[in-house]
Amino acid sequence: MWRRAGPIRLRLAEIAGRRVRRPLGPPAPTETFSASAPASSSLHHSLGTFRDSIGAPPSRSLSTGGGGRECWSCGAKGAFLSCGSCRSVQPVDPAVDYFRIFGLDRGYNIKDNSLEGKYKDWQKKLHPDLVHSKSEKERAFAAEQSARVIDAYRTLSKPLPRALYMLELEGVHVDEEKTINDPGLLMEMMDIREAVSEACDSQTLEKIQSQMKRKLETWSKSFEEAFNKGDFNRAVEATQRMRYYERAMEETVKKL
């Protein structure tokens, strides 16, 4: 149902700013998950060894904020996405995950207001239009950082993309095109599409949308429980079901 992506492939994907869900090349080497050890310990050890071998900066905890990175412009310590001293936009650091961009601990349960305010703050500092008078180098940094913050916000603000991203951070590849062999679920989806198609007023559509939202919330909780227990098979199955209900919600929104 899922496979663990190789640590080198994960690192290269981070550097290139790509997601690892749909590889274009041959399948990466897989790593078997062992229930007798923490789910990510082997992966984290391998990533640490690989980082050391290429001289990449070590991962930093969320509590340290900008960590010990040095500003490329003024040399001040602790520069993060932008420098607190000279306000210069910094180059993208692949070791910084989306949670850290928003100053959050890595976890599935996120409140929307934890993201929006910080997102707006970052865009005030990083948006390319605000650094148009800066050097070409810094304008390029701003374009990359702004795009990364936008993707981080879109990913963490919705249940399904957030779930898939958390699995990705653990090295779990999810085939997003795979369908579920569950006649009951497929029949339910057919009934929902028919109901949406036949709905002739917004009240009916809003009722269907509310039902789908509750279903999505139920499977979101199932994902969180499975993920926290390290049961990645169940977590992946939960994301597959979440996808069906999310698509059903999108269909109702299109018709509203």
C-alpha atoms as a PDB file:
ATOM      1  CA  MET A   1       0.000   0.000   0.000  1.00  0.00           C
ATOM      2  CA  TRP A   2       2.907   2.336   0.718  1.00  0.00           C
ATOM      3  CA  ARG A   3       6.662   2.275   0.619  1.00  0.00           C
ATOM      4  CA  ARG A   4       9.291   4.251   2.423  1.00  0.00           C
ATOM      5  CA  ALA A   5      11.271   6.502   0.112  1.00  0.00           C
ATOM      6  CA  GLY A   6      15.055   6.207   0.254  1.00  0.00           C
ATOM      7  CA  PRO A   7      16.824   8.877   2.359  1.00  0.00           C
ATOM      8  CA  ILE A   8      19.058  10.094  -0.500  1.00  0.00           C
ATOM      9  CA  ARG A   9      16.027  10.550  -2.732  1.00  0.00           C
ATOM     10  CA  LEU A  10      14.268  12.492   0.011  1.00  0.00           C
ATOM     11  CA  ARG A  11      17.239  14.808   0.468  1.00  0.00           C
ATOM     12  CA  LEU A  12      17.616  15.467  -3.256  1.00  0.00           C
ATOM     13  CA  ALA A  13      13.903  16.142  -3.538  1.00  0.00           C
ATOM     14  CA  GLU A  14      14.150  18.686  -0.711  1.00  0.00           C
ATOM     15  CA  ILE A  15      17.049  20.455  -2.399  1.00  0.00           C
ATOM     16  CA  ALA A  16      15.158  20.660  -5.676  1.00  0.00           C
ATOM     17  CA  GLY A  17      12.009  21.886  -3.920  1.00  0.00           C
ATOM     18  CA  ARG A  18       9.981  19.008  -5.264  1.00  0.00           C
ATOM     19  CA  ARG A  19       7.473  16.689  -3.617  1.00  0.00           C
ATOM     20  CA  VAL A  20       8.237  12.965  -3.665  1.00  0.00           C
ATOM     21  CA  ARG A  21       4.729  11.651  -4.263  1.00  0.00           C
ATOM     22  CA  ARG A  22       4.976  11.080  -7.995  1.00  0.00           C
ATOM     23  CA  PRO A  23       8.491  10.072  -9.019  1.00  0.00           C
ATOM     24  CA  LEU A  24       9.262  10.455 -12.706  1.00  0.00           C
ATOM     25  CA  GLY A  25      12.192   8.058 -12.788  1.00  0.00           C
ATOM     26  CA  PRO A  26      12.587   4.425 -11.762  1.00  0.00           C
ATOM     27  CA  PRO A  27      11.245   3.443  -8.319  1.00  0.00           C
ATOM     28  CA  ALA A  28      13.533   4.420  -5.457  1.00  0.00           C
ATOM     29  CA  PRO A  29      14.922   1.747  -3.140  1.00  0.00           C
ATOM     30  CA  THR A  30      12.362   0.882  -0.512  1.00  0.00           C
ATOM     31  CA  GLU A  31      12.885   0.533   3.201  1.00  0.00           C
ATOM     32  CA  THR A  32      10.823  -1.917   5.212  1.00  0.00           C
ATOM     33  CA  PHE A  33       9.084  -0.472   8.245  1.00  0.00           C
ATOM     34  CA  SER A  34       9.877  -2.312  11.441  1.00  0.00           C
ATOM     35  CA  ALA A  35       7.338  -2.212  14.255  1.00  0.00           C
ATOM     36  CA  SER A  36      10.068  -3.031  16.777  1.00  0.00           C
ATOM     37  CA  ALA A  37      11.739   0.371  16.377  1.00  0.00           C
ATOM     38  CA  PRO A  38      10.457   3.957  16.161  1.00  0.00           C
ATOM     39  CA  ALA A  39       9.052   4.602  12.684  1.00  0.00           C
ATOM     40  CA  SER A  40      11.509   7.311  11.711  1.00  0.00           C
ATOM     41  CA  SER A  41      14.670   6.407  13.656  1.00  0.00           C
ATOM     42  CA  SER A  42      16.404   4.523  10.845  1.00  0.00           C
ATOM     43  CA  LEU A  43      15.433   7.162   8.329  1.00  0.00           C
ATOM     44  CA  HIS A  44      16.603  10.041  10.531  1.00  0.00           C
ATOM     45  CA  HIS A  45      19.921   8.291  11.180  1.00  0.00           C
ATOM     46  CA  SER A  46      20.440   7.744   7.446  1.00  0.00           C
ATOM     47  CA  LEU A  47      19.531  11.353   6.667  1.00  0.00           C
ATOM     48  CA  GLY A  48      21.952  12.595   9.313  1.00  0.00           C
ATOM     49  CA  THR A  49      24.760  10.481   7.866  1.00  0.00           C
ATOM     50  CA  PHE A  50      23.964  11.711   4.362  1.00  0.00           C
ATOM     51  CA  ARG A  51      23.893  15.353   5.480  1.00  0.00           C
ATOM     52  CA  ASP A  52      27.299  14.937   7.120  1.00  0.00           C
ATOM     53  CA  SER A  53      28.728  13.386   3.948  1.00  0.00           C
ATOM     54  CA  ILE A  54      27.745  16.361   1.787  1.00  0.00           C
ATOM     55  CA  GLY A  55      28.355  19.049   4.375  1.00  0.00           C
ATOM     56  CA  ALA A  56      24.706  20.061   4.630  1.00  0.00           C
ATOM     57  CA  PRO A  57      23.556  22.057   7.670  1.00  0.00           C
ATOM     58  CA  PRO A  58      22.118  19.955  10.521  1.00  0.00           C
ATOM     59  CA  SER A  59      18.407  20.042  11.285  1.00  0.00           C
ATOM     60  CA  ARG A  60      17.410  22.576  13.923  1.00  0.00           C
ATOM     61  CA  SER A  61      14.618  22.356  16.451  1.00  0.00           C
ATOM     62  CA  LEU A  62      11.545  24.546  16.219  1.00  0.00           C
ATOM     63  CA  SER A  63      12.302  26.187  19.561  1.00  0.00           C
ATOM     64  CA  THR A  64      15.524  27.728  18.297  1.00  0.00           C
ATOM     65  CA  GLY A  65      13.749  29.901  15.713  1.00  0.00           C
ATOM     66  CA  GLY A  66      16.349  30.884  13.144  1.00  0.00           C
ATOM     67  CA  GLY A  67      18.995  28.563  14.557  1.00  0.00           C
ATOM     68  CA  GLY A  68      22.652  29.417  13.952  1.00  0.00           C
ATOM     69  CA  ARG A  69      22.486  30.276  10.271  1.00  0.00           C
ATOM     70  CA  GLU A  70      24.541  33.271   9.219  1.00  0.00           C
ATOM     71  CA  CYS A  71      23.029  36.039   7.082  1.00  0.00           C
ATOM     72  CA  TRP A  72      24.609  36.127   3.627  1.00  0.00           C
ATOM     73  CA  SER A  73      24.395  39.932   3.593  1.00  0.00           C
ATOM     74  CA  CYS A  74      25.448  41.232   7.029  1.00  0.00           C
ATOM     75  CA  GLY A  75      26.828  38.099   8.687  1.00  0.00           C
ATOM     76  CA  ALA A  76      24.413  38.252  11.642  1.00  0.00           C
ATOM     77  CA  LYS A  77      23.672  34.979  13.379  1.00  0.00           C
ATOM     78  CA  GLY A  78      20.224  33.450  13.590  1.00  0.00           C
ATOM     79  CA  ALA A  79      18.916  34.505  10.177  1.00  0.00           C
ATOM     80  CA  PHE A  80      15.787  32.577   9.222  1.00  0.00           C
ATOM     81  CA  LEU A  81      13.702  33.251   6.098  1.00  0.00           C
ATOM     82  CA  SER A  82      14.773  36.870   6.414  1.00  0.00           C
ATOM     83  CA  CYS A  83      17.471  38.465   8.553  1.00  0.00           C
ATOM     84  CA  GLY A  84      16.311  40.128  11.768  1.00  0.00           C
ATOM     85  CA  SER A  85      19.239  42.565  11.631  1.00  0.00           C
ATOM     86  CA  CYS A  86      19.450  43.824   8.038  1.00  0.00           C
ATOM     87  CA  ARG A  87      16.092  42.427   6.824  1.00  0.00           C
ATOM     88  CA  SER A  88      17.718  40.770   3.812  1.00  0.00           C
ATOM     89  CA  VAL A  89      15.772  37.794   2.402  1.00  0.00           C
ATOM     90  CA  GLN A  90      17.716  34.572   2.875  1.00  0.00           C
ATOM     91  CA  PRO A  91      18.137  31.641   0.460  1.00  0.00           C
ATOM     92  CA  VAL A  92      15.818  28.662   0.922  1.00  0.00           C
ATOM     93  CA  ASP A  93      17.059  26.204   3.534  1.00  0.00           C
ATOM     94  CA  PRO A  94      15.768  22.696   2.615  1.00  0.00           C
ATOM     95  CA  ALA A  95      16.258  21.568   6.230  1.00  0.00           C
ATOM     96  CA  VAL A  96      13.410  23.873   7.315  1.00  0.00           C
ATOM     97  CA  ASP A  97      10.086  22.055   7.032  1.00  0.00           C
ATOM     98  CA  TYR A  98       6.686  23.700   6.574  1.00  0.00           C
ATOM     99  CA  PHE A  99       5.784  23.476  10.258  1.00  0.00           C
ATOM    100  CA  ARG A 100       8.879  25.358  11.292  1.00  0.00           C
ATOM    101  CA  ILE A 101       8.121  28.147   8.816  1.00  0.00           C
ATOM    102  CA  PHE A 102       5.034  28.893  10.895  1.00  0.00           C
ATOM    103  CA  GLY A 103       6.719  28.313  14.247  1.00  0.00           C
ATOM    104  CA  LEU A 104       4.682  25.170  14.929  1.00  0.00           C
ATOM    105  CA  ASP A 105       5.541  21.836  16.441  1.00  0.00           C
ATOM    106  CA  ARG A 106       5.148  19.044  13.922  1.00  0.00           C
ATOM    107  CA  GLY A 107       1.652  17.668  14.428  1.00  0.00           C
ATOM    108  CA  TYR A 108      -1.606  17.093  12.602  1.00  0.00           C
ATOM    109  CA  ASN A 109      -3.956  19.148  14.760  1.00  0.00           C
ATOM    110  CA  ILE A 110      -3.518  22.765  13.630  1.00  0.00           C
ATOM    111  CA  LYS A 111      -5.814  25.727  14.193  1.00  0.00           C
ATOM    112  CA  ASP A 112      -6.372  27.925  11.155  1.00  0.00           C
ATOM    113  CA  ASN A 113      -5.539  31.103  13.069  1.00  0.00           C
ATOM    114  CA  SER A 114      -2.096  29.642  13.805  1.00  0.00           C
ATOM    115  CA  LEU A 115      -1.297  29.853  10.107  1.00  0.00           C
ATOM    116  CA  GLU A 116      -3.012  32.855   8.576  1.00  0.00           C
ATOM    117  CA  GLY A 117      -1.439  35.553  10.735  1.00  0.00           C
ATOM    118  CA  LYS A 118       2.069  34.193  10.320  1.00  0.00           C
ATOM    119  CA  TYR A 119       1.498  33.690   6.595  1.00  0.00           C
ATOM    120  CA  LYS A 120       0.584  37.362   6.156  1.00  0.00           C
ATOM    121  CA  ASP A 121       3.582  38.427   8.239  1.00  0.00           C
ATOM    122  CA  TRP A 122       5.975  36.416   6.066  1.00  0.00           C
ATOM    123  CA  GLN A 123       4.484  37.745   2.831  1.00  0.00           C
ATOM    124  CA  LYS A 124       5.009  41.314   4.079  1.00  0.00           C
ATOM    125  CA  LYS A 125       8.708  40.484   4.372  1.00  0.00           C
ATOM    126  CA  LEU A 126       9.210  38.111   1.463  1.00  0.00           C
ATOM    127  CA  HIS A 127       6.897  39.118  -1.370  1.00  0.00           C
ATOM    128  CA  PRO A 128       8.987  39.850  -4.493  1.00  0.00           C
ATOM    129  CA  ASP A 129       7.163  43.164  -5.083  1.00  0.00           C
ATOM    130  CA  LEU A 130       8.531  44.453  -1.788  1.00  0.00           C
ATOM    131  CA  VAL A 131      12.179  43.891  -2.742  1.00  0.00           C
ATOM    132  CA  HIS A 132      12.055  45.202  -6.318  1.00  0.00           C
ATOM    133  CA  SER A 133      14.838  47.690  -5.539  1.00  0.00           C
ATOM    134  CA  LYS A 134      17.141  45.037  -4.089  1.00  0.00           C
ATOM    135  CA  SER A 135      19.850  43.109  -5.917  1.00  0.00           C
ATOM    136  CA  GLU A 136      18.979  40.452  -8.467  1.00  0.00           C
ATOM    137  CA  LYS A 137      20.300  37.861  -6.031  1.00  0.00           C
ATOM    138  CA  GLU A 138      17.969  38.915  -3.236  1.00  0.00           C
ATOM    139  CA  ARG A 139      14.992  39.223  -5.595  1.00  0.00           C
ATOM    140  CA  ALA A 140      15.571  35.606  -6.603  1.00  0.00           C
ATOM    141  CA  PHE A 141      15.717  34.575  -2.928  1.00  0.00           C
ATOM    142  CA  ALA A 142      12.462  36.451  -2.282  1.00  0.00           C
ATOM    143  CA  ALA A 143      10.673  34.723  -5.182  1.00  0.00           C
ATOM    144  CA  GLU A 144      11.763  31.294  -3.925  1.00  0.00           C
ATOM    145  CA  GLN A 145      10.939  31.987  -0.267  1.00  0.00           C
ATOM    146  CA  SER A 146       7.570  33.553  -1.067  1.00  0.00           C
ATOM    147  CA  ALA A 147       6.571  30.590  -3.240  1.00  0.00           C
ATOM    148  CA  ARG A 148       7.675  28.191  -0.500  1.00  0.00           C
ATOM    149  CA  VAL A 149       5.641  30.007   2.153  1.00  0.00           C
ATOM    150  CA  ILE A 150       2.578  29.953  -0.124  1.00  0.00           C
ATOM    151  CA  ASP A 151       2.965  26.204  -0.679  1.00  0.00           C
ATOM    152  CA  ALA A 152       3.499  25.661   3.041  1.00  0.00           C
ATOM    153  CA  TYR A 153       0.315  27.570   3.860  1.00  0.00           C
ATOM    154  CA  ARG A 154      -1.764  25.716   1.273  1.00  0.00           C
ATOM    155  CA  THR A 155      -0.392  22.386   2.446  1.00  0.00           C
ATOM    156  CA  LEU A 156      -0.872  22.846   6.183  1.00  0.00           C
ATOM    157  CA  SER A 157      -4.200  24.685   6.036  1.00  0.00           C
ATOM    158  CA  LYS A 158      -6.148  21.715   4.634  1.00  0.00           C
ATOM    159  CA  PRO A 159      -6.553  18.283   6.266  1.00  0.00           C
ATOM    160  CA  LEU A 160      -5.632  16.041   3.323  1.00  0.00           C
ATOM    161  CA  PRO A 161      -2.535  17.876   2.031  1.00  0.00           C
ATOM    162  CA  ARG A 162      -1.342  18.199   5.637  1.00  0.00           C
ATOM    163  CA  ALA A 163      -1.751  14.462   6.192  1.00  0.00           C
ATOM    164  CA  LEU A 164       0.112  13.608   2.986  1.00  0.00           C
ATOM    165  CA  TYR A 165       2.914  16.012   3.884  1.00  0.00           C
ATOM    166  CA  MET A 166       3.327  14.462   7.339  1.00  0.00           C
ATOM    167  CA  LEU A 167       3.610  11.028   5.756  1.00  0.00           C
ATOM    168  CA  GLU A 168       6.130  12.423   3.280  1.00  0.00           C
ATOM    169  CA  LEU A 169       8.270  13.777   6.120  1.00  0.00           C
ATOM    170  CA  GLU A 170       8.351  10.247   7.527  1.00  0.00           C
ATOM    171  CA  GLY A 171       9.478   8.874   4.162  1.00  0.00           C
ATOM    172  CA  VAL A 172       6.131   7.242   3.371  1.00  0.00           C
ATOM    173  CA  HIS A 173       5.223   7.455  -0.303  1.00  0.00           C
ATOM    174  CA  VAL A 174       1.482   7.550  -1.057  1.00  0.00           C
ATOM    175  CA  ASP A 175       0.143   6.666  -4.492  1.00  0.00           C
ATOM    176  CA  GLU A 176      -2.458   9.402  -4.875  1.00  0.00           C
ATOM    177  CA  GLU A 177      -3.949   7.802  -7.979  1.00  0.00           C
ATOM    178  CA  LYS A 178      -4.682   4.475  -6.303  1.00  0.00           C
ATOM    179  CA  THR A 179      -8.370   3.709  -5.814  1.00  0.00           C
ATOM    180  CA  ILE A 180      -9.948   1.883  -2.892  1.00  0.00           C
ATOM    181  CA  ASN A 181     -11.512  -1.502  -3.513  1.00  0.00           C
ATOM    182  CA  ASP A 182     -14.497  -0.884  -1.258  1.00  0.00           C
ATOM    183  CA  PRO A 183     -17.887  -1.405  -2.987  1.00  0.00           C
ATOM    184  CA  GLY A 184     -19.693   0.356  -0.137  1.00  0.00           C
ATOM    185  CA  LEU A 185     -17.585   3.520  -0.435  1.00  0.00           C
ATOM    186  CA  LEU A 186     -17.803   3.557  -4.224  1.00  0.00           C
ATOM    187  CA  MET A 187     -21.585   3.163  -4.076  1.00  0.00           C
ATOM    188  CA  GLU A 188     -21.760   6.007  -1.553  1.00  0.00           C
ATOM    189  CA  MET A 189     -19.769   8.249  -3.892  1.00  0.00           C
ATOM    190  CA  MET A 190     -22.098   7.426  -6.789  1.00  0.00           C
ATOM    191  CA  ASP A 191     -25.116   8.330  -4.641  1.00  0.00           C
ATOM    192  CA  ILE A 192     -23.488  11.610  -3.604  1.00  0.00           C
ATOM    193  CA  ARG A 193     -22.684  12.589  -7.194  1.00  0.00           C
ATOM    194  CA  GLU A 194     -26.253  11.800  -8.202  1.00  0.00           C
ATOM    195  CA  ALA A 195     -27.605  13.873  -5.309  1.00  0.00           C
ATOM    196  CA  VAL A 196     -25.370  16.803  -6.231  1.00  0.00           C
ATOM    197  CA  SER A 197     -26.385  16.540  -9.884  1.00  0.00           C
ATOM    198  CA  GLU A 198     -30.090  16.518  -9.016  1.00  0.00           C
ATOM    199  CA  ALA A 199     -29.911  19.257  -6.383  1.00  0.00           C
ATOM    200  CA  CYS A 200     -31.725  22.358  -7.575  1.00  0.00           C
ATOM    201  CA  ASP A 201     -31.228  24.743  -4.661  1.00  0.00           C
ATOM    202  CA  SER A 202     -28.328  25.921  -2.503  1.00  0.00           C
ATOM    203  CA  GLN A 203     -29.904  24.616   0.696  1.00  0.00           C
ATOM    204  CA  THR A 204     -29.747  21.025  -0.549  1.00  0.00           C
ATOM    205  CA  LEU A 205     -26.163  21.462  -1.721  1.00  0.00           C
ATOM    206  CA  GLU A 206     -25.113  22.973   1.592  1.00  0.00           C
ATOM    207  CA  LYS A 207     -26.672  20.020   3.400  1.00  0.00           C
ATOM    208  CA  ILE A 208     -24.679  17.571   1.239  1.00  0.00           C
ATOM    209  CA  GLN A 209     -21.540  19.628   1.788  1.00  0.00           C
ATOM    210  CA  SER A 210     -22.065  19.542   5.555  1.00  0.00           C
ATOM    211  CA  GLN A 211     -22.420  15.749   5.467  1.00  0.00           C
ATOM    212  CA  MET A 212     -19.186  15.408   3.482  1.00  0.00           C
ATOM    213  CA  LYS A 213     -17.391  17.737   5.886  1.00  0.00           C
ATOM    214  CA  ARG A 214     -18.368  15.527   8.830  1.00  0.00           C
ATOM    215  CA  LYS A 215     -17.136  12.438   6.964  1.00  0.00           C
ATOM    216  CA  LEU A 216     -13.857  14.185   6.198  1.00  0.00           C
ATOM    217  CA  GLU A 217     -13.436  15.167   9.845  1.00  0.00           C
ATOM    218  CA  THR A 218     -14.082  11.584  10.946  1.00  0.00           C
ATOM    219  CA  TRP A 219     -11.364  10.200   8.673  1.00  0.00           C
ATOM    220  CA  SER A 220      -9.046  13.046   9.606  1.00  0.00           C
ATOM    221  CA  LYS A 221      -9.264  11.909  13.218  1.00  0.00           C
ATOM    222  CA  SER A 222      -8.642   8.319  12.105  1.00  0.00           C
ATOM    223  CA  PHE A 223      -5.524   9.465  10.268  1.00  0.00           C
ATOM    224  CA  GLU A 224      -4.225  11.361  13.290  1.00  0.00           C
ATOM    225  CA  GLU A 225      -4.741   8.382  15.605  1.00  0.00           C
ATOM    226  CA  ALA A 226      -3.054   5.952  13.206  1.00  0.00           C
ATOM    227  CA  PHE A 227      -0.158   8.323  12.472  1.00  0.00           C
ATOM    228  CA  ASN A 228       0.523   8.980  16.149  1.00  0.00           C
ATOM    229  CA  LYS A 229       0.672   5.230  16.732  1.00  0.00           C
ATOM    230  CA  GLY A 230       3.057   4.731  13.806  1.00  0.00           C
ATOM    231  CA  ASP A 231       0.456   2.636  11.969  1.00  0.00           C
ATOM    232  CA  PHE A 232       1.236   3.976   8.508  1.00  0.00           C
ATOM    233  CA  ASN A 233      -0.903   1.414   6.679  1.00  0.00           C
ATOM    234  CA  ARG A 234      -4.021   2.679   8.438  1.00  0.00           C
ATOM    235  CA  ALA A 235      -2.863   6.279   8.053  1.00  0.00           C
ATOM    236  CA  VAL A 236      -2.483   5.871   4.286  1.00  0.00           C
ATOM    237  CA  GLU A 237      -5.907   4.217   4.025  1.00  0.00           C
ATOM    238  CA  ALA A 238      -7.414   7.154   5.919  1.00  0.00           C
ATOM    239  CA  THR A 239      -5.916   9.640   3.422  1.00  0.00           C
ATOM    240  CA  GLN A 240      -7.349   7.654   0.522  1.00  0.00           C
ATOM    241  CA  ARG A 241     -10.840   7.884   2.001  1.00  0.00           C
ATOM    242  CA  MET A 242     -10.331  11.553   2.854  1.00  0.00           C
ATOM    243  CA  ARG A 243      -9.598  12.183  -0.817  1.00  0.00           C
ATOM    244  CA  TYR A 244     -12.997  10.812  -1.900  1.00  0.00           C
ATOM    245  CA  TYR A 245     -14.889  13.043   0.539  1.00  0.00           C
ATOM    246  CA  GLU A 246     -12.782  16.076  -0.317  1.00  0.00           C
ATOM    247  CA  ARG A 247     -13.572  15.618  -4.014  1.00  0.00           C
ATOM    248  CA  ALA A 248     -17.269  15.266  -3.180  1.00  0.00           C
ATOM    249  CA  MET A 249     -17.105  18.557  -1.281  1.00  0.00           C
ATOM    250  CA  GLU A 250     -15.423  20.222  -4.253  1.00  0.00           C
ATOM    251  CA  GLU A 251     -18.243  19.076  -6.519  1.00  0.00           C
ATOM    252  CA  THR A 252     -20.840  20.700  -4.287  1.00  0.00           C
ATOM    253  CA  VAL A 253     -18.824  23.936  -4.146  1.00  0.00           C
ATOM    254  CA  LYS A 254     -18.683  24.080  -7.953  1.00  0.00           C
ATOM    255  CA  LYS A 255     -22.461  23.900  -8.166  1.00  0.00           C
ATOM    256  CA  LEU A 256     -23.205  26.371  -5.368  1.00  0.00           C
END
